[in-house]
């Protein structure tokens, strides 16, 4: 039988496939839009669901243009193909859970998404960011690079997630909450709201500890405290207040602003310092 769309596959074959993949026959025959099921909103013809304006935010245009022209997504993907014990391990852990994975704050680095796909190319992942350019770049790249029908794309604010209550199995966050535009405490509350009972938020970010701050020149301390007080927060208390009662934190190392292209790295360089951030991975379960 040629795949012309004019015939329905043999019912016995459908039954066998249904049992093999643990899905209903209806699910196999229907073109289900996962994002529509989770949010009530249709995905555009572009294959991207927008919950904020499709145009890049004005203050972010220069950065987004630099990111696109520099092919950061391509370069970062190649970097993630190398062995990275820490990220590979977390990616495997995330991929080992069943269900829908929501990667928030994907950014041009991809967060945990590339490492999840390395561990399980068939994982179901919603790739999201507040930047339309970031998501467009990832979709264009992954459409040509990986053969997966289980990747979905959405642009939204983490502080106002469009998903229904108790609808997501796993939220993976490779730094999105730590770099969100709004209140990080609100982003954590939203993560708790949309997770299913038993669902997990696996989040990684970094902060400047008190010892590192104290070692800086006084004038540098004053500027950082005034302009970026958020970099001194480890968000543990906010995570508890969001509703998570089972939280396990693992210190995963450190990173320095001289090796980064973020806004805080630019600020540190303008102050003549190389800031050390302590990195952690936090496993939070919604009980």
C-alpha atoms as a PDB file:
ATOM      1  CA  UNK A   1       0.000   0.000   0.000  1.00  0.00           C
ATOM      2  CA  UNK A   2       1.453   3.372  -0.979  1.00  0.00           C
ATOM      3  CA  UNK A   3       1.322   6.191   1.589  1.00  0.00           C
ATOM      4  CA  UNK A   4      -1.099   8.354  -0.368  1.00  0.00           C
ATOM      5  CA  UNK A   5      -3.410   9.109   2.538  1.00  0.00           C
ATOM      6  CA  UNK A   6      -6.283   7.373   0.768  1.00  0.00           C
ATOM      7  CA  UNK A   7      -6.431   4.300   3.003  1.00  0.00           C
ATOM      8  CA  UNK A   8      -6.385   3.427   6.660  1.00  0.00           C
ATOM      9  CA  UNK A   9      -3.692   0.956   7.797  1.00  0.00           C
ATOM     10  CA  UNK A  10      -4.838  -2.572   8.626  1.00  0.00           C
ATOM     11  CA  UNK A  11      -6.550  -2.671  12.047  1.00  0.00           C
ATOM     12  CA  UNK A  12      -4.345  -5.546  13.206  1.00  0.00           C
ATOM     13  CA  UNK A  13      -1.246  -3.474  12.469  1.00  0.00           C
ATOM     14  CA  UNK A  14      -2.752  -0.526  14.339  1.00  0.00           C
ATOM     15  CA  UNK A  15      -3.498  -2.730  17.325  1.00  0.00           C
ATOM     16  CA  UNK A  16       0.054  -4.073  17.338  1.00  0.00           C
ATOM     17  CA  UNK A  17       1.480  -0.548  17.148  1.00  0.00           C
ATOM     18  CA  UNK A  18      -0.907   0.626  19.860  1.00  0.00           C
ATOM     19  CA  UNK A  19       0.317  -2.064  22.236  1.00  0.00           C
ATOM     20  CA  UNK A  20       3.965  -1.555  21.285  1.00  0.00           C
ATOM     21  CA  UNK A  21       3.983   2.204  21.877  1.00  0.00           C
ATOM     22  CA  UNK A  22       1.294   2.310  24.567  1.00  0.00           C
ATOM     23  CA  UNK A  23      -0.894   4.838  22.725  1.00  0.00           C
ATOM     24  CA  UNK A  24      -4.494   4.657  21.574  1.00  0.00           C
ATOM     25  CA  UNK A  25      -5.439   4.123  17.942  1.00  0.00           C
ATOM     26  CA  UNK A  26      -7.137   7.525  17.944  1.00  0.00           C
ATOM     27  CA  UNK A  27      -3.892   9.174  19.012  1.00  0.00           C
ATOM     28  CA  UNK A  28      -2.084   7.555  16.098  1.00  0.00           C
ATOM     29  CA  UNK A  29      -4.713   8.616  13.571  1.00  0.00           C
ATOM     30  CA  UNK A  30      -5.225  12.165  14.783  1.00  0.00           C
ATOM     31  CA  UNK A  31      -2.819  15.051  14.248  1.00  0.00           C
ATOM     32  CA  UNK A  32      -2.550  16.121  17.873  1.00  0.00           C
ATOM     33  CA  UNK A  33      -1.096  19.541  18.614  1.00  0.00           C
ATOM     34  CA  UNK A  34       0.518  19.044  22.024  1.00  0.00           C
ATOM     35  CA  UNK A  35       0.785  22.760  22.726  1.00  0.00           C
ATOM     36  CA  UNK A  36      -2.902  23.244  21.924  1.00  0.00           C
ATOM     37  CA  UNK A  37      -3.762  20.438  24.340  1.00  0.00           C
ATOM     38  CA  UNK A  38      -1.660  22.025  27.094  1.00  0.00           C
ATOM     39  CA  UNK A  39      -2.493  25.693  26.542  1.00  0.00           C
ATOM     40  CA  UNK A  40      -5.666  25.890  24.438  1.00  0.00           C
ATOM     41  CA  UNK A  41      -3.848  27.913  21.776  1.00  0.00           C
ATOM     42  CA  UNK A  42      -3.125  26.804  18.214  1.00  0.00           C
ATOM     43  CA  UNK A  43       0.458  26.581  17.006  1.00  0.00           C
ATOM     44  CA  UNK A  44       1.208  28.912  14.093  1.00  0.00           C
ATOM     45  CA  UNK A  45       2.094  27.622  10.625  1.00  0.00           C
ATOM     46  CA  UNK A  46       5.692  28.381  11.559  1.00  0.00           C
ATOM     47  CA  UNK A  47       5.492  25.541  14.077  1.00  0.00           C
ATOM     48  CA  UNK A  48       6.048  27.994  16.946  1.00  0.00           C
ATOM     49  CA  UNK A  49       3.424  28.987  19.519  1.00  0.00           C
ATOM     50  CA  UNK A  50       3.691  32.635  20.551  1.00  0.00           C
ATOM     51  CA  UNK A  51       2.304  33.851  23.875  1.00  0.00           C
ATOM     52  CA  UNK A  52       4.120  37.189  23.615  1.00  0.00           C
ATOM     53  CA  UNK A  53       4.562  39.404  20.523  1.00  0.00           C
ATOM     54  CA  UNK A  54       6.354  37.695  17.634  1.00  0.00           C
ATOM     55  CA  UNK A  55       8.678  40.680  17.236  1.00  0.00           C
ATOM     56  CA  UNK A  56      11.859  40.781  19.294  1.00  0.00           C
ATOM     57  CA  UNK A  57      11.719  43.164  22.235  1.00  0.00           C
ATOM     58  CA  UNK A  58      13.273  46.509  21.233  1.00  0.00           C
ATOM     59  CA  UNK A  59      15.993  46.465  23.892  1.00  0.00           C
ATOM     60  CA  UNK A  60      16.982  42.938  22.827  1.00  0.00           C
ATOM     61  CA  UNK A  61      17.213  43.480  19.068  1.00  0.00           C
ATOM     62  CA  UNK A  62      20.956  44.213  18.958  1.00  0.00           C
ATOM     63  CA  UNK A  63      21.789  41.118  21.034  1.00  0.00           C
ATOM     64  CA  UNK A  64      19.421  38.903  19.029  1.00  0.00           C
ATOM     65  CA  UNK A  65      20.922  40.124  15.750  1.00  0.00           C
ATOM     66  CA  UNK A  66      24.442  39.436  17.008  1.00  0.00           C
ATOM     67  CA  UNK A  67      23.372  35.977  18.167  1.00  0.00           C
ATOM     68  CA  UNK A  68      21.738  35.130  14.836  1.00  0.00           C
ATOM     69  CA  UNK A  69      24.527  36.484  12.624  1.00  0.00           C
ATOM     70  CA  UNK A  70      27.158  34.790  14.757  1.00  0.00           C
ATOM     71  CA  UNK A  71      25.392  31.417  14.458  1.00  0.00           C
ATOM     72  CA  UNK A  72      25.637  30.927  18.205  1.00  0.00           C
ATOM     73  CA  UNK A  73      23.087  28.114  18.147  1.00  0.00           C
ATOM     74  CA  UNK A  74      25.157  26.128  15.644  1.00  0.00           C
ATOM     75  CA  UNK A  75      28.393  26.624  17.573  1.00  0.00           C
ATOM     76  CA  UNK A  76      26.818  25.820  20.933  1.00  0.00           C
ATOM     77  CA  UNK A  77      25.236  22.643  19.582  1.00  0.00           C
ATOM     78  CA  UNK A  78      28.652  21.458  18.400  1.00  0.00           C
ATOM     79  CA  UNK A  79      30.059  22.197  21.849  1.00  0.00           C
ATOM     80  CA  UNK A  80      27.353  20.086  23.524  1.00  0.00           C
ATOM     81  CA  UNK A  81      28.332  17.103  21.362  1.00  0.00           C
ATOM     82  CA  UNK A  82      31.601  16.897  23.315  1.00  0.00           C
ATOM     83  CA  UNK A  83      31.827  14.947  26.562  1.00  0.00           C
ATOM     84  CA  UNK A  84      30.691  17.077  29.498  1.00  0.00           C
ATOM     85  CA  UNK A  85      30.307  14.788  32.542  1.00  0.00           C
ATOM     86  CA  UNK A  86      28.255  17.211  34.637  1.00  0.00           C
ATOM     87  CA  UNK A  87      25.766  18.267  31.932  1.00  0.00           C
ATOM     88  CA  UNK A  88      25.657  14.792  30.379  1.00  0.00           C
ATOM     89  CA  UNK A  89      24.755  13.302  33.758  1.00  0.00           C
ATOM     90  CA  UNK A  90      21.908  15.748  34.387  1.00  0.00           C
ATOM     91  CA  UNK A  91      20.673  15.304  30.811  1.00  0.00           C
ATOM     92  CA  UNK A  92      20.518  11.538  31.342  1.00  0.00           C
ATOM     93  CA  UNK A  93      18.611  11.980  34.591  1.00  0.00           C
ATOM     94  CA  UNK A  94      16.037  14.247  32.967  1.00  0.00           C
ATOM     95  CA  UNK A  95      15.695  11.920  29.973  1.00  0.00           C
ATOM     96  CA  UNK A  96      15.104   8.966  32.285  1.00  0.00           C
ATOM     97  CA  UNK A  97      11.757  10.377  33.446  1.00  0.00           C
ATOM     98  CA  UNK A  98       8.641   9.658  31.406  1.00  0.00           C
ATOM     99  CA  UNK A  99       6.394  12.367  30.035  1.00  0.00           C
ATOM    100  CA  UNK A 100       6.554  15.926  28.761  1.00  0.00           C
ATOM    101  CA  UNK A 101       9.742  17.910  29.389  1.00  0.00           C
ATOM    102  CA  UNK A 102       9.497  21.699  29.353  1.00  0.00           C
ATOM    103  CA  UNK A 103      12.885  23.350  28.783  1.00  0.00           C
ATOM    104  CA  UNK A 104      12.606  26.967  29.912  1.00  0.00           C
ATOM    105  CA  UNK A 105      15.098  29.688  29.093  1.00  0.00           C
ATOM    106  CA  UNK A 106      16.661  27.603  26.344  1.00  0.00           C
ATOM    107  CA  UNK A 107      18.784  30.528  25.181  1.00  0.00           C
ATOM    108  CA  UNK A 108      21.376  30.169  22.418  1.00  0.00           C
ATOM    109  CA  UNK A 109      23.209  27.645  24.621  1.00  0.00           C
ATOM    110  CA  UNK A 110      20.236  25.272  24.665  1.00  0.00           C
ATOM    111  CA  UNK A 111      20.100  24.742  28.435  1.00  0.00           C
ATOM    112  CA  UNK A 112      19.748  21.027  29.169  1.00  0.00           C
ATOM    113  CA  UNK A 113      17.910  20.306  25.912  1.00  0.00           C
ATOM    114  CA  UNK A 114      20.944  19.187  23.844  1.00  0.00           C
ATOM    115  CA  UNK A 115      22.052  16.849  26.630  1.00  0.00           C
ATOM    116  CA  UNK A 116      18.558  15.377  26.991  1.00  0.00           C
ATOM    117  CA  UNK A 117      18.468  14.682  23.266  1.00  0.00           C
ATOM    118  CA  UNK A 118      21.941  13.158  23.459  1.00  0.00           C
ATOM    119  CA  UNK A 119      20.619  10.734  26.085  1.00  0.00           C
ATOM    120  CA  UNK A 120      17.244  10.128  24.395  1.00  0.00           C
ATOM    121  CA  UNK A 121      16.686  11.413  20.835  1.00  0.00           C
ATOM    122  CA  UNK A 122      12.977  10.528  21.135  1.00  0.00           C
ATOM    123  CA  UNK A 123      12.320  12.608  24.269  1.00  0.00           C
ATOM    124  CA  UNK A 124       9.252  14.874  24.149  1.00  0.00           C
ATOM    125  CA  UNK A 125      10.541  18.411  24.765  1.00  0.00           C
ATOM    126  CA  UNK A 126       8.887  21.830  24.614  1.00  0.00           C
ATOM    127  CA  UNK A 127      11.739  24.207  23.784  1.00  0.00           C
ATOM    128  CA  UNK A 128      10.943  27.688  25.089  1.00  0.00           C
ATOM    129  CA  UNK A 129      12.372  31.145  25.650  1.00  0.00           C
ATOM    130  CA  UNK A 130      11.180  34.729  25.938  1.00  0.00           C
ATOM    131  CA  UNK A 131      13.168  35.637  22.808  1.00  0.00           C
ATOM    132  CA  UNK A 132      11.380  34.837  19.507  1.00  0.00           C
ATOM    133  CA  UNK A 133      14.739  34.912  17.726  1.00  0.00           C
ATOM    134  CA  UNK A 134      16.212  32.261  20.002  1.00  0.00           C
ATOM    135  CA  UNK A 135      13.327  29.875  19.391  1.00  0.00           C
ATOM    136  CA  UNK A 136      13.255  30.530  15.650  1.00  0.00           C
ATOM    137  CA  UNK A 137      16.988  29.838  15.454  1.00  0.00           C
ATOM    138  CA  UNK A 138      16.674  26.588  17.387  1.00  0.00           C
ATOM    139  CA  UNK A 139      13.728  25.371  15.299  1.00  0.00           C
ATOM    140  CA  UNK A 140      15.475  26.148  12.021  1.00  0.00           C
ATOM    141  CA  UNK A 141      18.617  24.385  13.209  1.00  0.00           C
ATOM    142  CA  UNK A 142      17.035  21.318  14.793  1.00  0.00           C
ATOM    143  CA  UNK A 143      14.667  20.777  11.852  1.00  0.00           C
ATOM    144  CA  UNK A 144      17.792  20.187   9.739  1.00  0.00           C
ATOM    145  CA  UNK A 145      19.887  18.436  12.376  1.00  0.00           C
ATOM    146  CA  UNK A 146      17.803  15.927  14.328  1.00  0.00           C
ATOM    147  CA  UNK A 147      15.112  13.527  13.229  1.00  0.00           C
ATOM    148  CA  UNK A 148      12.554  13.854  16.007  1.00  0.00           C
ATOM    149  CA  UNK A 149       8.777  14.318  15.812  1.00  0.00           C
ATOM    150  CA  UNK A 150       8.653  15.099  19.531  1.00  0.00           C
ATOM    151  CA  UNK A 151      10.077  18.631  19.630  1.00  0.00           C
ATOM    152  CA  UNK A 152       7.757  21.603  20.156  1.00  0.00           C
ATOM    153  CA  UNK A 153       8.517  25.312  20.272  1.00  0.00           C
ATOM    154  CA  UNK A 154       6.986  28.123  22.332  1.00  0.00           C
ATOM    155  CA  UNK A 155       7.774  31.742  23.150  1.00  0.00           C
ATOM    156  CA  UNK A 156       6.485  32.973  26.515  1.00  0.00           C
ATOM    157  CA  UNK A 157       7.283  34.729  29.772  1.00  0.00           C
ATOM    158  CA  UNK A 158       8.334  32.292  32.516  1.00  0.00           C
ATOM    159  CA  UNK A 159       6.567  34.493  35.064  1.00  0.00           C
ATOM    160  CA  UNK A 160       3.236  33.889  33.275  1.00  0.00           C
ATOM    161  CA  UNK A 161       3.450  30.397  31.796  1.00  0.00           C
ATOM    162  CA  UNK A 162       0.604  29.596  29.371  1.00  0.00           C
ATOM    163  CA  UNK A 163       0.201  25.977  30.489  1.00  0.00           C
ATOM    164  CA  UNK A 164      -2.718  24.539  32.398  1.00  0.00           C
ATOM    165  CA  UNK A 165      -2.379  23.610  36.058  1.00  0.00           C
ATOM    166  CA  UNK A 166      -0.786  20.203  36.687  1.00  0.00           C
ATOM    167  CA  UNK A 167       0.049  19.607  33.014  1.00  0.00           C
ATOM    168  CA  UNK A 168       3.849  19.228  32.765  1.00  0.00           C
ATOM    169  CA  UNK A 169       5.903  16.248  33.944  1.00  0.00           C
ATOM    170  CA  UNK A 170       9.402  17.753  34.068  1.00  0.00           C
ATOM    171  CA  UNK A 171      10.705  21.316  33.890  1.00  0.00           C
ATOM    172  CA  UNK A 172      14.385  21.550  33.009  1.00  0.00           C
ATOM    173  CA  UNK A 173      16.076  24.871  33.562  1.00  0.00           C
ATOM    174  CA  UNK A 174      19.690  25.370  32.600  1.00  0.00           C
ATOM    175  CA  UNK A 175      19.738  28.977  33.807  1.00  0.00           C
ATOM    176  CA  UNK A 176      16.459  30.421  32.526  1.00  0.00           C
ATOM    177  CA  UNK A 177      14.967  31.303  35.905  1.00  0.00           C
ATOM    178  CA  UNK A 178      18.227  32.852  37.046  1.00  0.00           C
ATOM    179  CA  UNK A 179      18.187  35.110  33.963  1.00  0.00           C
ATOM    180  CA  UNK A 180      14.444  35.792  33.622  1.00  0.00           C
ATOM    181  CA  UNK A 181      13.263  39.357  33.037  1.00  0.00           C
ATOM    182  CA  UNK A 182      10.684  39.294  35.831  1.00  0.00           C
ATOM    183  CA  UNK A 183      10.700  38.213  39.457  1.00  0.00           C
ATOM    184  CA  UNK A 184      12.461  34.888  39.894  1.00  0.00           C
ATOM    185  CA  UNK A 185      10.138  34.049  42.796  1.00  0.00           C
ATOM    186  CA  UNK A 186       7.147  34.355  40.431  1.00  0.00           C
ATOM    187  CA  UNK A 187       8.821  32.125  37.844  1.00  0.00           C
ATOM    188  CA  UNK A 188       9.304  29.462  40.538  1.00  0.00           C
ATOM    189  CA  UNK A 189       5.652  29.744  41.552  1.00  0.00           C
ATOM    190  CA  UNK A 190       4.610  29.276  37.938  1.00  0.00           C
ATOM    191  CA  UNK A 191       6.849  26.228  37.634  1.00  0.00           C
ATOM    192  CA  UNK A 192       5.164  24.722  40.690  1.00  0.00           C
ATOM    193  CA  UNK A 193       1.679  25.498  39.333  1.00  0.00           C
ATOM    194  CA  UNK A 194       2.102  23.840  35.946  1.00  0.00           C
ATOM    195  CA  UNK A 195       3.924  20.723  37.195  1.00  0.00           C
ATOM    196  CA  UNK A 196       1.901  17.590  37.820  1.00  0.00           C
ATOM    197  CA  UNK A 197       1.910  16.172  41.358  1.00  0.00           C
ATOM    198  CA  UNK A 198       5.107  14.157  41.533  1.00  0.00           C
ATOM    199  CA  UNK A 199       6.603  16.292  38.762  1.00  0.00           C
ATOM    200  CA  UNK A 200      10.107  17.706  39.023  1.00  0.00           C
ATOM    201  CA  UNK A 201      11.814  21.026  38.469  1.00  0.00           C
ATOM    202  CA  UNK A 202      15.497  20.453  37.724  1.00  0.00           C
ATOM    203  CA  UNK A 203      17.135  23.845  37.787  1.00  0.00           C
ATOM    204  CA  UNK A 204      20.691  25.037  37.516  1.00  0.00           C
ATOM    205  CA  UNK A 205      22.078  28.488  38.047  1.00  0.00           C
ATOM    206  CA  UNK A 206      24.838  30.266  39.908  1.00  0.00           C
ATOM    207  CA  UNK A 207      25.336  32.962  42.487  1.00  0.00           C
ATOM    208  CA  UNK A 208      28.162  35.041  43.924  1.00  0.00           C
ATOM    209  CA  UNK A 209      28.724  33.920  47.517  1.00  0.00           C
ATOM    210  CA  UNK A 210      29.545  36.202  50.448  1.00  0.00           C
ATOM    211  CA  UNK A 211      33.243  35.315  50.467  1.00  0.00           C
ATOM    212  CA  UNK A 212      33.645  36.258  46.804  1.00  0.00           C
ATOM    213  CA  UNK A 213      31.782  39.527  47.347  1.00  0.00           C
ATOM    214  CA  UNK A 214      33.871  40.446  50.391  1.00  0.00           C
ATOM    215  CA  UNK A 215      37.111  39.981  48.427  1.00  0.00           C
ATOM    216  CA  UNK A 216      36.110  42.586  45.811  1.00  0.00           C
ATOM    217  CA  UNK A 217      37.094  46.274  46.026  1.00  0.00           C
ATOM    218  CA  UNK A 218      34.559  48.312  47.978  1.00  0.00           C
ATOM    219  CA  UNK A 219      33.492  50.441  45.007  1.00  0.00           C
ATOM    220  CA  UNK A 220      32.897  47.316  42.911  1.00  0.00           C
ATOM    221  CA  UNK A 221      30.801  45.772  45.685  1.00  0.00           C
ATOM    222  CA  UNK A 222      28.642  48.898  45.834  1.00  0.00           C
ATOM    223  CA  UNK A 223      28.002  48.936  42.064  1.00  0.00           C
ATOM    224  CA  UNK A 224      27.127  45.229  41.936  1.00  0.00           C
ATOM    225  CA  UNK A 225      24.814  45.437  44.956  1.00  0.00           C
ATOM    226  CA  UNK A 226      23.051  48.461  43.444  1.00  0.00           C
ATOM    227  CA  UNK A 227      22.772  47.234  39.844  1.00  0.00           C
ATOM    228  CA  UNK A 228      22.564  43.440  40.182  1.00  0.00           C
ATOM    229  CA  UNK A 229      21.510  42.407  43.686  1.00  0.00           C
ATOM    230  CA  UNK A 230      19.987  39.258  42.153  1.00  0.00           C
ATOM    231  CA  UNK A 231      23.397  37.669  41.544  1.00  0.00           C
ATOM    232  CA  UNK A 232      23.818  37.146  45.290  1.00  0.00           C
ATOM    233  CA  UNK A 233      20.607  35.105  45.630  1.00  0.00           C
ATOM    234  CA  UNK A 234      20.694  31.303  45.686  1.00  0.00           C
ATOM    235  CA  UNK A 235      16.843  31.154  45.427  1.00  0.00           C
ATOM    236  CA  UNK A 236      16.472  28.347  47.967  1.00  0.00           C
ATOM    237  CA  UNK A 237      14.003  30.270  50.141  1.00  0.00           C
ATOM    238  CA  UNK A 238      12.020  31.355  47.071  1.00  0.00           C
ATOM    239  CA  UNK A 239      11.858  27.723  45.940  1.00  0.00           C
ATOM    240  CA  UNK A 240      10.382  26.701  49.302  1.00  0.00           C
ATOM    241  CA  UNK A 241       7.908  29.584  49.241  1.00  0.00           C
ATOM    242  CA  UNK A 242       6.830  28.544  45.728  1.00  0.00           C
ATOM    243  CA  UNK A 243       5.525  25.302  47.263  1.00  0.00           C
ATOM    244  CA  UNK A 244       8.351  22.811  46.804  1.00  0.00           C
ATOM    245  CA  UNK A 245       8.919  20.841  50.001  1.00  0.00           C
ATOM    246  CA  UNK A 246      11.303  18.183  48.671  1.00  0.00           C
ATOM    247  CA  UNK A 247      14.470  19.918  47.459  1.00  0.00           C
ATOM    248  CA  UNK A 248      17.908  18.431  46.888  1.00  0.00           C
ATOM    249  CA  UNK A 249      20.780  20.740  45.936  1.00  0.00           C
ATOM    250  CA  UNK A 250      24.103  19.632  44.459  1.00  0.00           C
ATOM    251  CA  UNK A 251      26.996  22.064  44.041  1.00  0.00           C
ATOM    252  CA  UNK A 252      28.193  21.418  40.512  1.00  0.00           C
ATOM    253  CA  UNK A 253      31.248  23.668  40.295  1.00  0.00           C
ATOM    254  CA  UNK A 254      31.854  27.275  39.361  1.00  0.00           C
ATOM    255  CA  UNK A 255      32.170  29.571  36.381  1.00  0.00           C
ATOM    256  CA  UNK A 256      33.747  32.969  35.727  1.00  0.00           C
ATOM    257  CA  UNK A 257      32.412  36.003  33.914  1.00  0.00           C
ATOM    258  CA  UNK A 258      35.544  36.264  31.754  1.00  0.00           C
ATOM    259  CA  UNK A 259      34.345  33.066  30.051  1.00  0.00           C
ATOM    260  CA  UNK A 260      30.783  34.294  29.456  1.00  0.00           C
ATOM    261  CA  UNK A 261      28.857  36.628  27.120  1.00  0.00           C
ATOM    262  CA  UNK A 262      26.003  37.566  29.475  1.00  0.00           C
ATOM    263  CA  UNK A 263      24.953  41.021  30.661  1.00  0.00           C
ATOM    264  CA  UNK A 264      26.482  40.410  34.089  1.00  0.00           C
ATOM    265  CA  UNK A 265      29.740  39.373  32.394  1.00  0.00           C
ATOM    266  CA  UNK A 266      29.779  42.665  30.471  1.00  0.00           C
ATOM    267  CA  UNK A 267      29.180  44.572  33.720  1.00  0.00           C
ATOM    268  CA  UNK A 268      31.974  42.682  35.500  1.00  0.00           C
ATOM    269  CA  UNK A 269      34.412  43.434  32.674  1.00  0.00           C
ATOM    270  CA  UNK A 270      33.471  47.113  32.762  1.00  0.00           C
ATOM    271  CA  UNK A 271      34.360  47.093  36.478  1.00  0.00           C
ATOM    272  CA  UNK A 272      37.656  45.330  35.823  1.00  0.00           C
ATOM    273  CA  UNK A 273      36.837  42.150  37.747  1.00  0.00           C
ATOM    274  CA  UNK A 274      36.415  38.483  36.905  1.00  0.00           C
ATOM    275  CA  UNK A 275      33.465  37.355  39.013  1.00  0.00           C
ATOM    276  CA  UNK A 276      33.307  33.805  40.297  1.00  0.00           C
ATOM    277  CA  UNK A 277      29.855  32.202  40.384  1.00  0.00           C
ATOM    278  CA  UNK A 278      29.163  29.077  42.408  1.00  0.00           C
ATOM    279  CA  UNK A 279      26.988  26.733  40.319  1.00  0.00           C
ATOM    280  CA  UNK A 280      24.397  24.313  41.643  1.00  0.00           C
ATOM    281  CA  UNK A 281      21.817  21.905  40.329  1.00  0.00           C
ATOM    282  CA  UNK A 282      18.612  21.727  42.345  1.00  0.00           C
ATOM    283  CA  UNK A 283      16.098  18.864  42.151  1.00  0.00           C
ATOM    284  CA  UNK A 284      12.662  20.010  43.314  1.00  0.00           C
ATOM    285  CA  UNK A 285       9.656  17.680  43.520  1.00  0.00           C
ATOM    286  CA  UNK A 286       6.026  18.800  43.635  1.00  0.00           C
ATOM    287  CA  UNK A 287       4.503  16.513  46.271  1.00  0.00           C
END
